[in-house]
ModelCIF file with pLDDT and N, C-alpha, C, O atoms, coordinates in Angstrom:
data_MODEL
#
_entry.id   MODEL 
#
_entity.id                         1 
_entity.type                       polymer 
_entity.pdbx_number_of_molecules   1 
#
_entity_poly.entity_id                      1 
_entity_poly.type                           'polypeptide(L)' 
_entity_poly.nstd_linkage                   no 
_entity_poly.nstd_monomer                   no 
_entity_poly.pdbx_seq_one_letter_code       NDGGIGLEMAAENDWPQPKNGLSAFFNVDEARELVSAIESAIRRAEPK 
_entity_poly.pdbx_seq_one_letter_code_can   NDGGIGLEMAAENDWPQPKNGLSAFFNVDEARELVSAIESAIRRAEPK 
_entity_poly.pdbx_strand_id                 A 
#
loop_
_entity_poly_seq.entity_id 
_entity_poly_seq.num 
_entity_poly_seq.mon_id 
_entity_poly_seq.hetero 
1 1  ASN n 
1 2  ASP n 
1 3  GLY n 
1 4  GLY n 
1 5  ILE n 
1 6  GLY n 
1 7  LEU n 
1 8  GLU n 
1 9  MET n 
1 10 ALA n 
1 11 ALA n 
1 12 GLU n 
1 13 ASN n 
1 14 ASP n 
1 15 TRP n 
1 16 PRO n 
1 17 GLN n 
1 18 PRO n 
1 19 LYS n 
1 20 ASN n 
1 21 GLY n 
1 22 LEU n 
1 23 SER n 
1 24 ALA n 
1 25 PHE n 
1 26 PHE n 
1 27 ASN n 
1 28 VAL n 
1 29 ASP n 
1 30 GLU n 
1 31 ALA n 
1 32 ARG n 
1 33 GLU n 
1 34 LEU n 
1 35 VAL n 
1 36 SER n 
1 37 ALA n 
1 38 ILE n 
1 39 GLU n 
1 40 SER n 
1 41 ALA n 
1 42 ILE n 
1 43 ARG n 
1 44 ARG n 
1 45 ALA n 
1 46 GLU n 
1 47 PRO n 
1 48 LYS n 
#
_struct_asym.id          A 
_struct_asym.entity_id   1 
#
loop_
_ma_qa_metric.id 
_ma_qa_metric.mode 
_ma_qa_metric.name 
_ma_qa_metric.software_group_id 
_ma_qa_metric.type 
1 global pLDDT . pLDDT 
2 local  pLDDT . pLDDT 
#
_ma_qa_metric_global.metric_id      1 
_ma_qa_metric_global.metric_value   92.94 
_ma_qa_metric_global.model_id       1 
_ma_qa_metric_global.ordinal_id     1 
#
loop_
_ma_qa_metric_local.label_asym_id 
_ma_qa_metric_local.label_comp_id 
_ma_qa_metric_local.label_seq_id 
_ma_qa_metric_local.metric_id 
_ma_qa_metric_local.metric_value 
_ma_qa_metric_local.model_id 
_ma_qa_metric_local.ordinal_id 
A ASN 1  2 93.00 1 1  
A ASP 2  2 93.00 1 2  
A GLY 3  2 94.00 1 3  
A GLY 4  2 97.00 1 4  
A ILE 5  2 97.00 1 5  
A GLY 6  2 96.00 1 6  
A LEU 7  2 96.00 1 7  
A GLU 8  2 93.00 1 8  
A MET 9  2 94.00 1 9  
A ALA 10 2 93.00 1 10 
A ALA 11 2 92.00 1 11 
A GLU 12 2 92.00 1 12 
A ASN 13 2 89.00 1 13 
A ASP 14 2 86.00 1 14 
A TRP 15 2 76.00 1 15 
A PRO 16 2 76.00 1 16 
A GLN 17 2 78.00 1 17 
A PRO 18 2 77.00 1 18 
A LYS 19 2 81.00 1 19 
A ASN 20 2 85.00 1 20 
A GLY 21 2 89.00 1 21 
A LEU 22 2 92.00 1 22 
A SER 23 2 92.00 1 23 
A ALA 24 2 96.00 1 24 
A PHE 25 2 97.00 1 25 
A PHE 26 2 98.00 1 26 
A ASN 27 2 98.00 1 27 
A VAL 28 2 98.00 1 28 
A ASP 29 2 98.00 1 29 
A GLU 30 2 98.00 1 30 
A ALA 31 2 98.00 1 31 
A ARG 32 2 98.00 1 32 
A GLU 33 2 98.00 1 33 
A LEU 34 2 98.00 1 34 
A VAL 35 2 98.00 1 35 
A SER 36 2 98.00 1 36 
A ALA 37 2 98.00 1 37 
A ILE 38 2 97.00 1 38 
A GLU 39 2 98.00 1 39 
A SER 40 2 98.00 1 40 
A ALA 41 2 96.00 1 41 
A ILE 42 2 95.00 1 42 
A ARG 43 2 95.00 1 43 
A ARG 44 2 95.00 1 44 
A ALA 45 2 93.00 1 45 
A GLU 46 2 92.00 1 46 
A PRO 47 2 92.00 1 47 
A LYS 48 2 90.00 1 48 
#
loop_
_atom_site.group_PDB 
_atom_site.id 
_atom_site.type_symbol 
_atom_site.label_atom_id 
_atom_site.label_alt_id 
_atom_site.label_comp_id 
_atom_site.label_asym_id 
_atom_site.label_entity_id 
_atom_site.label_seq_id 
_atom_site.pdbx_PDB_ins_code 
_atom_site.Cartn_x 
_atom_site.Cartn_y 
_atom_site.Cartn_z 
_atom_site.occupancy 
_atom_site.B_iso_or_equiv 
_atom_site.pdbx_formal_charge 
_atom_site.auth_seq_id 
_atom_site.auth_comp_id 
_atom_site.auth_asym_id 
_atom_site.auth_atom_id 
_atom_site.pdbx_PDB_model_num 
ATOM 1   N N  . ASN A 1 1  ? -13.666 -10.315 -0.599 1.00 93.00 ? 1  ASN A N  1 
ATOM 2   C CA . ASN A 1 1  ? -15.380 -10.950 -1.397 1.00 93.00 ? 1  ASN A CA 1 
ATOM 3   C C  . ASN A 1 1  ? -16.591 -10.465 -0.790 1.00 93.00 ? 1  ASN A C  1 
ATOM 4   O O  . ASN A 1 1  ? -16.830 -10.676 0.399  1.00 93.00 ? 1  ASN A O  1 
ATOM 5   N N  . ASP A 1 2  ? -17.247 -9.924  -1.429 1.00 93.00 ? 2  ASP A N  1 
ATOM 6   C CA . ASP A 1 2  ? -18.460 -9.610  -0.672 1.00 93.00 ? 2  ASP A CA 1 
ATOM 7   C C  . ASP A 1 2  ? -18.708 -8.677  0.524  1.00 93.00 ? 2  ASP A C  1 
ATOM 8   O O  . ASP A 1 2  ? -19.711 -8.406  1.184  1.00 93.00 ? 2  ASP A O  1 
ATOM 9   N N  . GLY A 1 3  ? -17.404 -8.281  0.557  1.00 94.00 ? 3  GLY A N  1 
ATOM 10  C CA . GLY A 1 3  ? -17.100 -7.140  2.004  1.00 94.00 ? 3  GLY A CA 1 
ATOM 11  C C  . GLY A 1 3  ? -16.676 -7.975  2.999  1.00 94.00 ? 3  GLY A C  1 
ATOM 12  O O  . GLY A 1 3  ? -17.043 -7.494  4.071  1.00 94.00 ? 3  GLY A O  1 
ATOM 13  N N  . GLY A 1 4  ? -15.928 -9.254  3.196  1.00 97.00 ? 4  GLY A N  1 
ATOM 14  C CA . GLY A 1 4  ? -15.433 -9.900  3.684  1.00 97.00 ? 4  GLY A CA 1 
ATOM 15  C C  . GLY A 1 4  ? -13.740 -9.888  3.167  1.00 97.00 ? 4  GLY A C  1 
ATOM 16  O O  . GLY A 1 4  ? -13.240 -9.457  2.129  1.00 97.00 ? 4  GLY A O  1 
ATOM 17  N N  . ILE A 1 5  ? -12.963 -10.723 4.670  1.00 97.00 ? 5  ILE A N  1 
ATOM 18  C CA . ILE A 1 5  ? -11.682 -10.376 3.911  1.00 97.00 ? 5  ILE A CA 1 
ATOM 19  C C  . ILE A 1 5  ? -11.136 -11.790 4.444  1.00 97.00 ? 5  ILE A C  1 
ATOM 20  O O  . ILE A 1 5  ? -11.054 -12.113 5.629  1.00 97.00 ? 5  ILE A O  1 
ATOM 21  N N  . GLY A 1 6  ? -10.664 -12.817 2.977  1.00 96.00 ? 6  GLY A N  1 
ATOM 22  C CA . GLY A 1 6  ? -10.280 -14.188 3.101  1.00 96.00 ? 6  GLY A CA 1 
ATOM 23  C C  . GLY A 1 6  ? -8.463  -14.488 3.017  1.00 96.00 ? 6  GLY A C  1 
ATOM 24  O O  . GLY A 1 6  ? -7.715  -14.349 2.049  1.00 96.00 ? 6  GLY A O  1 
ATOM 25  N N  . LEU A 1 7  ? -8.201  -14.861 4.186  1.00 96.00 ? 7  LEU A N  1 
ATOM 26  C CA . LEU A 1 7  ? -6.648  -15.200 4.633  1.00 96.00 ? 7  LEU A CA 1 
ATOM 27  C C  . LEU A 1 7  ? -6.364  -17.243 4.059  1.00 96.00 ? 7  LEU A C  1 
ATOM 28  O O  . LEU A 1 7  ? -6.285  -18.199 4.830  1.00 96.00 ? 7  LEU A O  1 
ATOM 29  N N  . GLU A 1 8  ? -6.295  -17.265 2.777  1.00 93.00 ? 8  GLU A N  1 
ATOM 30  C CA . GLU A 1 8  ? -6.007  -18.733 2.804  1.00 93.00 ? 8  GLU A CA 1 
ATOM 31  C C  . GLU A 1 8  ? -4.341  -19.099 2.715  1.00 93.00 ? 8  GLU A C  1 
ATOM 32  O O  . GLU A 1 8  ? -3.354  -18.420 2.432  1.00 93.00 ? 8  GLU A O  1 
ATOM 33  N N  . MET A 1 9  ? -4.515  -20.330 3.049  1.00 94.00 ? 9  MET A N  1 
ATOM 34  C CA . MET A 1 9  ? -2.755  -20.750 3.343  1.00 94.00 ? 9  MET A CA 1 
ATOM 35  C C  . MET A 1 9  ? -2.830  -22.357 2.939  1.00 94.00 ? 9  MET A C  1 
ATOM 36  O O  . MET A 1 9  ? -3.780  -23.106 3.167  1.00 94.00 ? 9  MET A O  1 
ATOM 37  N N  . ALA A 1 10 ? -1.575  -22.695 2.276  1.00 93.00 ? 10 ALA A N  1 
ATOM 38  C CA . ALA A 1 10 ? -1.997  -24.130 2.099  1.00 93.00 ? 10 ALA A CA 1 
ATOM 39  C C  . ALA A 1 10 ? -0.167  -24.599 1.801  1.00 93.00 ? 10 ALA A C  1 
ATOM 40  O O  . ALA A 1 10 ? 0.359   -23.514 1.554  1.00 93.00 ? 10 ALA A O  1 
ATOM 41  N N  . ALA A 1 11 ? 0.641   -25.407 1.749  1.00 92.00 ? 11 ALA A N  1 
ATOM 42  C CA . ALA A 1 11 ? 1.739   -25.897 1.309  1.00 92.00 ? 11 ALA A CA 1 
ATOM 43  C C  . ALA A 1 11 ? 2.348   -25.432 -0.227 1.00 92.00 ? 11 ALA A C  1 
ATOM 44  O O  . ALA A 1 11 ? 1.583   -25.721 -1.147 1.00 92.00 ? 11 ALA A O  1 
ATOM 45  N N  . GLU A 1 12 ? 3.723   -24.696 -0.658 1.00 92.00 ? 12 GLU A N  1 
ATOM 46  C CA . GLU A 1 12 ? 3.089   -24.947 -1.923 1.00 92.00 ? 12 GLU A CA 1 
ATOM 47  C C  . GLU A 1 12 ? 3.745   -25.759 -2.866 1.00 92.00 ? 12 GLU A C  1 
ATOM 48  O O  . GLU A 1 12 ? 4.234   -25.394 -3.935 1.00 92.00 ? 12 GLU A O  1 
ATOM 49  N N  . ASN A 1 13 ? 3.726   -26.521 -2.540 1.00 89.00 ? 13 ASN A N  1 
ATOM 50  C CA . ASN A 1 13 ? 4.054   -28.200 -3.173 1.00 89.00 ? 13 ASN A CA 1 
ATOM 51  C C  . ASN A 1 13 ? 1.811   -28.554 -3.170 1.00 89.00 ? 13 ASN A C  1 
ATOM 52  O O  . ASN A 1 13 ? 1.100   -29.290 -3.854 1.00 89.00 ? 13 ASN A O  1 
ATOM 53  N N  . ASP A 1 14 ? 1.667   -28.080 -2.625 1.00 86.00 ? 14 ASP A N  1 
ATOM 54  C CA . ASP A 1 14 ? 0.032   -28.333 -2.667 1.00 86.00 ? 14 ASP A CA 1 
ATOM 55  C C  . ASP A 1 14 ? -1.136  -27.281 -3.526 1.00 86.00 ? 14 ASP A C  1 
ATOM 56  O O  . ASP A 1 14 ? -2.332  -27.426 -3.780 1.00 86.00 ? 14 ASP A O  1 
ATOM 57  N N  . TRP A 1 15 ? 0.148   -25.852 -3.904 1.00 76.00 ? 15 TRP A N  1 
ATOM 58  C CA . TRP A 1 15 ? -1.319  -24.958 -4.702 1.00 76.00 ? 15 TRP A CA 1 
ATOM 59  C C  . TRP A 1 15 ? -1.299  -25.160 -6.114 1.00 76.00 ? 15 TRP A C  1 
ATOM 60  O O  . TRP A 1 15 ? -0.320  -25.836 -6.428 1.00 76.00 ? 15 TRP A O  1 
ATOM 61  N N  . PRO A 1 16 ? -2.027  -24.821 -7.107 1.00 76.00 ? 16 PRO A N  1 
ATOM 62  C CA . PRO A 1 16 ? -4.010  -23.597 -6.595 1.00 76.00 ? 16 PRO A CA 1 
ATOM 63  C C  . PRO A 1 16 ? -4.446  -24.524 -5.995 1.00 76.00 ? 16 PRO A C  1 
ATOM 64  O O  . PRO A 1 16 ? -4.701  -24.101 -4.867 1.00 76.00 ? 16 PRO A O  1 
ATOM 65  N N  . GLN A 1 17 ? -4.791  -25.973 -6.091 1.00 78.00 ? 17 GLN A N  1 
ATOM 66  C CA . GLN A 1 17 ? -5.875  -27.110 -4.950 1.00 78.00 ? 17 GLN A CA 1 
ATOM 67  C C  . GLN A 1 17 ? -5.310  -27.848 -3.972 1.00 78.00 ? 17 GLN A C  1 
ATOM 68  O O  . GLN A 1 17 ? -4.877  -28.997 -3.878 1.00 78.00 ? 17 GLN A O  1 
ATOM 69  N N  . PRO A 1 18 ? -5.502  -26.202 -2.740 1.00 77.00 ? 18 PRO A N  1 
ATOM 70  C CA . PRO A 1 18 ? -4.938  -27.526 -2.041 1.00 77.00 ? 18 PRO A CA 1 
ATOM 71  C C  . PRO A 1 18 ? -5.662  -28.651 -1.639 1.00 77.00 ? 18 PRO A C  1 
ATOM 72  O O  . PRO A 1 18 ? -6.841  -28.372 -1.859 1.00 77.00 ? 18 PRO A O  1 
ATOM 73  N N  . LYS A 1 19 ? -5.574  -29.922 -1.105 1.00 81.00 ? 19 LYS A N  1 
ATOM 74  C CA . LYS A 1 19 ? -6.219  -31.039 -0.529 1.00 81.00 ? 19 LYS A CA 1 
ATOM 75  C C  . LYS A 1 19 ? -6.402  -30.594 1.317  1.00 81.00 ? 19 LYS A C  1 
ATOM 76  O O  . LYS A 1 19 ? -7.312  -30.772 2.126  1.00 81.00 ? 19 LYS A O  1 
ATOM 77  N N  . ASN A 1 20 ? -5.014  -29.946 1.402  1.00 85.00 ? 20 ASN A N  1 
ATOM 78  C CA . ASN A 1 20 ? -4.822  -29.629 3.140  1.00 85.00 ? 20 ASN A CA 1 
ATOM 79  C C  . ASN A 1 20 ? -4.706  -28.197 3.281  1.00 85.00 ? 20 ASN A C  1 
ATOM 80  O O  . ASN A 1 20 ? -3.635  -28.146 3.886  1.00 85.00 ? 20 ASN A O  1 
ATOM 81  N N  . GLY A 1 21 ? -5.124  -26.841 3.118  1.00 89.00 ? 21 GLY A N  1 
ATOM 82  C CA . GLY A 1 21 ? -5.302  -25.802 2.958  1.00 89.00 ? 21 GLY A CA 1 
ATOM 83  C C  . GLY A 1 21 ? -5.750  -25.313 4.372  1.00 89.00 ? 21 GLY A C  1 
ATOM 84  O O  . GLY A 1 21 ? -6.439  -26.157 4.946  1.00 89.00 ? 21 GLY A O  1 
ATOM 85  N N  . LEU A 1 22 ? -5.561  -24.297 4.999  1.00 92.00 ? 22 LEU A N  1 
ATOM 86  C CA . LEU A 1 22 ? -6.616  -23.345 5.707  1.00 92.00 ? 22 LEU A CA 1 
ATOM 87  C C  . LEU A 1 22 ? -7.037  -22.128 4.930  1.00 92.00 ? 22 LEU A C  1 
ATOM 88  O O  . LEU A 1 22 ? -6.439  -21.482 4.070  1.00 92.00 ? 22 LEU A O  1 
ATOM 89  N N  . SER A 1 23 ? -8.446  -21.968 5.566  1.00 92.00 ? 23 SER A N  1 
ATOM 90  C CA . SER A 1 23 ? -9.236  -20.577 4.801  1.00 92.00 ? 23 SER A CA 1 
ATOM 91  C C  . SER A 1 23 ? -9.558  -20.209 6.265  1.00 92.00 ? 23 SER A C  1 
ATOM 92  O O  . SER A 1 23 ? -9.968  -20.868 7.221  1.00 92.00 ? 23 SER A O  1 
ATOM 93  N N  . ALA A 1 24 ? -9.173  -18.719 6.061  1.00 96.00 ? 24 ALA A N  1 
ATOM 94  C CA . ALA A 1 24 ? -9.849  -18.010 7.080  1.00 96.00 ? 24 ALA A CA 1 
ATOM 95  C C  . ALA A 1 24 ? -10.989 -16.890 6.802  1.00 96.00 ? 24 ALA A C  1 
ATOM 96  O O  . ALA A 1 24 ? -11.145 -17.008 5.587  1.00 96.00 ? 24 ALA A O  1 
ATOM 97  N N  . PHE A 1 25 ? -11.638 -16.143 7.119  1.00 97.00 ? 25 PHE A N  1 
ATOM 98  C CA . PHE A 1 25 ? -12.703 -15.141 6.811  1.00 97.00 ? 25 PHE A CA 1 
ATOM 99  C C  . PHE A 1 25 ? -12.509 -14.333 8.370  1.00 97.00 ? 25 PHE A C  1 
ATOM 100 O O  . PHE A 1 25 ? -12.090 -14.802 9.428  1.00 97.00 ? 25 PHE A O  1 
ATOM 101 N N  . PHE A 1 26 ? -13.021 -12.846 8.022  1.00 98.00 ? 26 PHE A N  1 
ATOM 102 C CA . PHE A 1 26 ? -11.985 -11.801 8.787  1.00 98.00 ? 26 PHE A CA 1 
ATOM 103 C C  . PHE A 1 26 ? -13.778 -10.410 8.346  1.00 98.00 ? 26 PHE A C  1 
ATOM 104 O O  . PHE A 1 26 ? -14.350 -10.877 7.361  1.00 98.00 ? 26 PHE A O  1 
ATOM 105 N N  . ASN A 1 27 ? -14.192 -9.669  8.634  1.00 98.00 ? 27 ASN A N  1 
ATOM 106 C CA . ASN A 1 27 ? -15.418 -9.279  9.348  1.00 98.00 ? 27 ASN A CA 1 
ATOM 107 C C  . ASN A 1 27 ? -13.888 -7.828  8.675  1.00 98.00 ? 27 ASN A C  1 
ATOM 108 O O  . ASN A 1 27 ? -12.671 -7.998  8.738  1.00 98.00 ? 27 ASN A O  1 
ATOM 109 N N  . VAL A 1 28 ? -14.513 -6.792  8.214  1.00 98.00 ? 28 VAL A N  1 
ATOM 110 C CA . VAL A 1 28 ? -13.527 -5.378  8.281  1.00 98.00 ? 28 VAL A CA 1 
ATOM 111 C C  . VAL A 1 28 ? -12.987 -5.451  9.716  1.00 98.00 ? 28 VAL A C  1 
ATOM 112 O O  . VAL A 1 28 ? -11.853 -5.923  9.786  1.00 98.00 ? 28 VAL A O  1 
ATOM 113 N N  . ASP A 1 29 ? -13.768 -4.945  11.315 1.00 98.00 ? 29 ASP A N  1 
ATOM 114 C CA . ASP A 1 29 ? -13.159 -4.238  12.256 1.00 98.00 ? 29 ASP A CA 1 
ATOM 115 C C  . ASP A 1 29 ? -11.597 -5.939  12.158 1.00 98.00 ? 29 ASP A C  1 
ATOM 116 O O  . ASP A 1 29 ? -10.382 -5.741  12.176 1.00 98.00 ? 29 ASP A O  1 
ATOM 117 N N  . GLU A 1 30 ? -12.159 -7.086  12.084 1.00 98.00 ? 30 GLU A N  1 
ATOM 118 C CA . GLU A 1 30 ? -11.524 -8.487  12.565 1.00 98.00 ? 30 GLU A CA 1 
ATOM 119 C C  . GLU A 1 30 ? -10.530 -8.143  12.056 1.00 98.00 ? 30 GLU A C  1 
ATOM 120 O O  . GLU A 1 30 ? -9.544  -7.956  12.768 1.00 98.00 ? 30 GLU A O  1 
ATOM 121 N N  . ALA A 1 31 ? -10.451 -7.906  10.375 1.00 98.00 ? 31 ALA A N  1 
ATOM 122 C CA . ALA A 1 31 ? -9.065  -7.592  9.780  1.00 98.00 ? 31 ALA A CA 1 
ATOM 123 C C  . ALA A 1 31 ? -8.487  -6.847  10.164 1.00 98.00 ? 31 ALA A C  1 
ATOM 124 O O  . ALA A 1 31 ? -7.335  -7.222  10.379 1.00 98.00 ? 31 ALA A O  1 
ATOM 125 N N  . ARG A 1 32 ? -8.699  -5.765  10.425 1.00 98.00 ? 32 ARG A N  1 
ATOM 126 C CA . ARG A 1 32 ? -8.358  -4.650  11.247 1.00 98.00 ? 32 ARG A CA 1 
ATOM 127 C C  . ARG A 1 32 ? -7.651  -5.034  12.360 1.00 98.00 ? 32 ARG A C  1 
ATOM 128 O O  . ARG A 1 32 ? -6.713  -4.247  12.494 1.00 98.00 ? 32 ARG A O  1 
ATOM 129 N N  . GLU A 1 33 ? -7.654  -5.773  13.123 1.00 98.00 ? 33 GLU A N  1 
ATOM 130 C CA . GLU A 1 33 ? -7.157  -6.076  14.252 1.00 98.00 ? 33 GLU A CA 1 
ATOM 131 C C  . GLU A 1 33 ? -6.319  -7.198  14.376 1.00 98.00 ? 33 GLU A C  1 
ATOM 132 O O  . GLU A 1 33 ? -5.896  -7.627  15.450 1.00 98.00 ? 33 GLU A O  1 
ATOM 133 N N  . LEU A 1 34 ? -6.063  -7.712  13.163 1.00 98.00 ? 34 LEU A N  1 
ATOM 134 C CA . LEU A 1 34 ? -5.070  -8.322  12.817 1.00 98.00 ? 34 LEU A CA 1 
ATOM 135 C C  . LEU A 1 34 ? -3.785  -7.928  11.705 1.00 98.00 ? 34 LEU A C  1 
ATOM 136 O O  . LEU A 1 34 ? -2.778  -8.536  11.342 1.00 98.00 ? 34 LEU A O  1 
ATOM 137 N N  . VAL A 1 35 ? -4.396  -6.549  11.365 1.00 98.00 ? 35 VAL A N  1 
ATOM 138 C CA . VAL A 1 35 ? -3.237  -5.970  10.508 1.00 98.00 ? 35 VAL A CA 1 
ATOM 139 C C  . VAL A 1 35 ? -2.825  -5.007  11.892 1.00 98.00 ? 35 VAL A C  1 
ATOM 140 O O  . VAL A 1 35 ? -1.598  -5.036  11.993 1.00 98.00 ? 35 VAL A O  1 
ATOM 141 N N  . SER A 1 36 ? -3.107  -4.622  12.395 1.00 98.00 ? 36 SER A N  1 
ATOM 142 C CA . SER A 1 36 ? -2.858  -3.613  13.988 1.00 98.00 ? 36 SER A CA 1 
ATOM 143 C C  . SER A 1 36 ? -1.866  -4.862  14.320 1.00 98.00 ? 36 SER A C  1 
ATOM 144 O O  . SER A 1 36 ? -0.705  -4.638  13.980 1.00 98.00 ? 36 SER A O  1 
ATOM 145 N N  . ALA A 1 37 ? -2.119  -6.267  14.982 1.00 98.00 ? 37 ALA A N  1 
ATOM 146 C CA . ALA A 1 37 ? -1.437  -6.930  15.726 1.00 98.00 ? 37 ALA A CA 1 
ATOM 147 C C  . ALA A 1 37 ? 0.126   -7.645  14.550 1.00 98.00 ? 37 ALA A C  1 
ATOM 148 O O  . ALA A 1 37 ? 1.275   -7.805  14.962 1.00 98.00 ? 37 ALA A O  1 
ATOM 149 N N  . ILE A 1 38 ? -0.428  -7.968  12.955 1.00 97.00 ? 38 ILE A N  1 
ATOM 150 C CA . ILE A 1 38 ? 0.916   -7.549  12.579 1.00 97.00 ? 38 ILE A CA 1 
ATOM 151 C C  . ILE A 1 38 ? 2.138   -6.498  12.695 1.00 97.00 ? 38 ILE A C  1 
ATOM 152 O O  . ILE A 1 38 ? 3.300   -6.714  13.038 1.00 97.00 ? 38 ILE A O  1 
ATOM 153 N N  . GLU A 1 39 ? 1.374   -5.017  12.212 1.00 98.00 ? 39 GLU A N  1 
ATOM 154 C CA . GLU A 1 39 ? 2.092   -3.993  12.685 1.00 98.00 ? 39 GLU A CA 1 
ATOM 155 C C  . GLU A 1 39 ? 2.758   -4.348  14.227 1.00 98.00 ? 39 GLU A C  1 
ATOM 156 O O  . GLU A 1 39 ? 3.983   -4.245  14.176 1.00 98.00 ? 39 GLU A O  1 
ATOM 157 N N  . SER A 1 40 ? 2.473   -4.572  14.999 1.00 98.00 ? 40 SER A N  1 
ATOM 158 C CA . SER A 1 40 ? 3.214   -4.297  16.358 1.00 98.00 ? 40 SER A CA 1 
ATOM 159 C C  . SER A 1 40 ? 4.090   -5.673  16.224 1.00 98.00 ? 40 SER A C  1 
ATOM 160 O O  . SER A 1 40 ? 5.238   -5.624  16.668 1.00 98.00 ? 40 SER A O  1 
ATOM 161 N N  . ALA A 1 41 ? 3.744   -6.595  15.786 1.00 96.00 ? 41 ALA A N  1 
ATOM 162 C CA . ALA A 1 41 ? 5.028   -7.802  15.414 1.00 96.00 ? 41 ALA A CA 1 
ATOM 163 C C  . ALA A 1 41 ? 6.004   -6.486  14.579 1.00 96.00 ? 41 ALA A C  1 
ATOM 164 O O  . ALA A 1 41 ? 6.927   -5.905  15.149 1.00 96.00 ? 41 ALA A O  1 
ATOM 165 N N  . ILE A 1 42 ? 5.681   -6.270  13.518 1.00 95.00 ? 42 ILE A N  1 
ATOM 166 C CA . ILE A 1 42 ? 6.930   -5.782  12.623 1.00 95.00 ? 42 ILE A CA 1 
ATOM 167 C C  . ILE A 1 42 ? 7.839   -4.709  13.402 1.00 95.00 ? 42 ILE A C  1 
ATOM 168 O O  . ILE A 1 42 ? 9.040   -4.465  13.290 1.00 95.00 ? 42 ILE A O  1 
ATOM 169 N N  . ARG A 1 43 ? 6.587   -4.007  14.449 1.00 95.00 ? 43 ARG A N  1 
ATOM 170 C CA . ARG A 1 43 ? 7.458   -3.041  14.819 1.00 95.00 ? 43 ARG A CA 1 
ATOM 171 C C  . ARG A 1 43 ? 8.617   -3.433  15.787 1.00 95.00 ? 43 ARG A C  1 
ATOM 172 O O  . ARG A 1 43 ? 9.611   -2.708  15.745 1.00 95.00 ? 43 ARG A O  1 
ATOM 173 N N  . ARG A 1 44 ? 8.619   -4.792  16.904 1.00 95.00 ? 44 ARG A N  1 
ATOM 174 C CA . ARG A 1 44 ? 9.411   -5.625  17.617 1.00 95.00 ? 44 ARG A CA 1 
ATOM 175 C C  . ARG A 1 44 ? 10.074  -5.482  16.939 1.00 95.00 ? 44 ARG A C  1 
ATOM 176 O O  . ARG A 1 44 ? 10.904  -4.592  17.124 1.00 95.00 ? 44 ARG A O  1 
ATOM 177 N N  . ALA A 1 45 ? 10.111  -6.357  15.615 1.00 93.00 ? 45 ALA A N  1 
ATOM 178 C CA . ALA A 1 45 ? 10.813  -7.631  14.643 1.00 93.00 ? 45 ALA A CA 1 
ATOM 179 C C  . ALA A 1 45 ? 11.942  -6.520  14.022 1.00 93.00 ? 45 ALA A C  1 
ATOM 180 O O  . ALA A 1 45 ? 12.872  -6.962  13.347 1.00 93.00 ? 45 ALA A O  1 
ATOM 181 N N  . GLU A 1 46 ? 11.864  -5.552  14.191 1.00 92.00 ? 46 GLU A N  1 
ATOM 182 C CA . GLU A 1 46 ? 12.632  -4.329  12.906 1.00 92.00 ? 46 GLU A CA 1 
ATOM 183 C C  . GLU A 1 46 ? 13.779  -4.334  12.825 1.00 92.00 ? 46 GLU A C  1 
ATOM 184 O O  . GLU A 1 46 ? 14.524  -4.475  11.855 1.00 92.00 ? 46 GLU A O  1 
ATOM 185 N N  . PRO A 1 47 ? 14.078  -4.082  14.503 1.00 92.00 ? 47 PRO A N  1 
ATOM 186 C CA . PRO A 1 47 ? 15.425  -3.496  15.124 1.00 92.00 ? 47 PRO A CA 1 
ATOM 187 C C  . PRO A 1 47 ? 16.605  -4.542  14.547 1.00 92.00 ? 47 PRO A C  1 
ATOM 188 O O  . PRO A 1 47 ? 17.698  -4.340  14.018 1.00 92.00 ? 47 PRO A O  1 
ATOM 189 N N  . LYS A 1 48 ? 15.634  -6.125  15.008 1.00 90.00 ? 48 LYS A N  1 
ATOM 190 C CA . LYS A 1 48 ? 16.155  -7.667  14.653 1.00 90.00 ? 48 LYS A CA 1 
ATOM 191 C C  . LYS A 1 48 ? 16.439  -8.148  13.200 1.00 90.00 ? 48 LYS A C  1 
ATOM 192 O O  . LYS A 1 48 ? 16.823  -9.299  12.995 1.00 90.00 ? 48 LYS A O  1 
#
């Protein structure tokens, strides 16, 4: 949204109108850092 990346999380039984959900905003560089961390975790988890 407008050049930012939003990550929203909520309990399945509380969606789509979450009362207790969480929402995070990342700029492009921050989102790349998050993706890099997820990719590192994937590489470590793959063999297991």
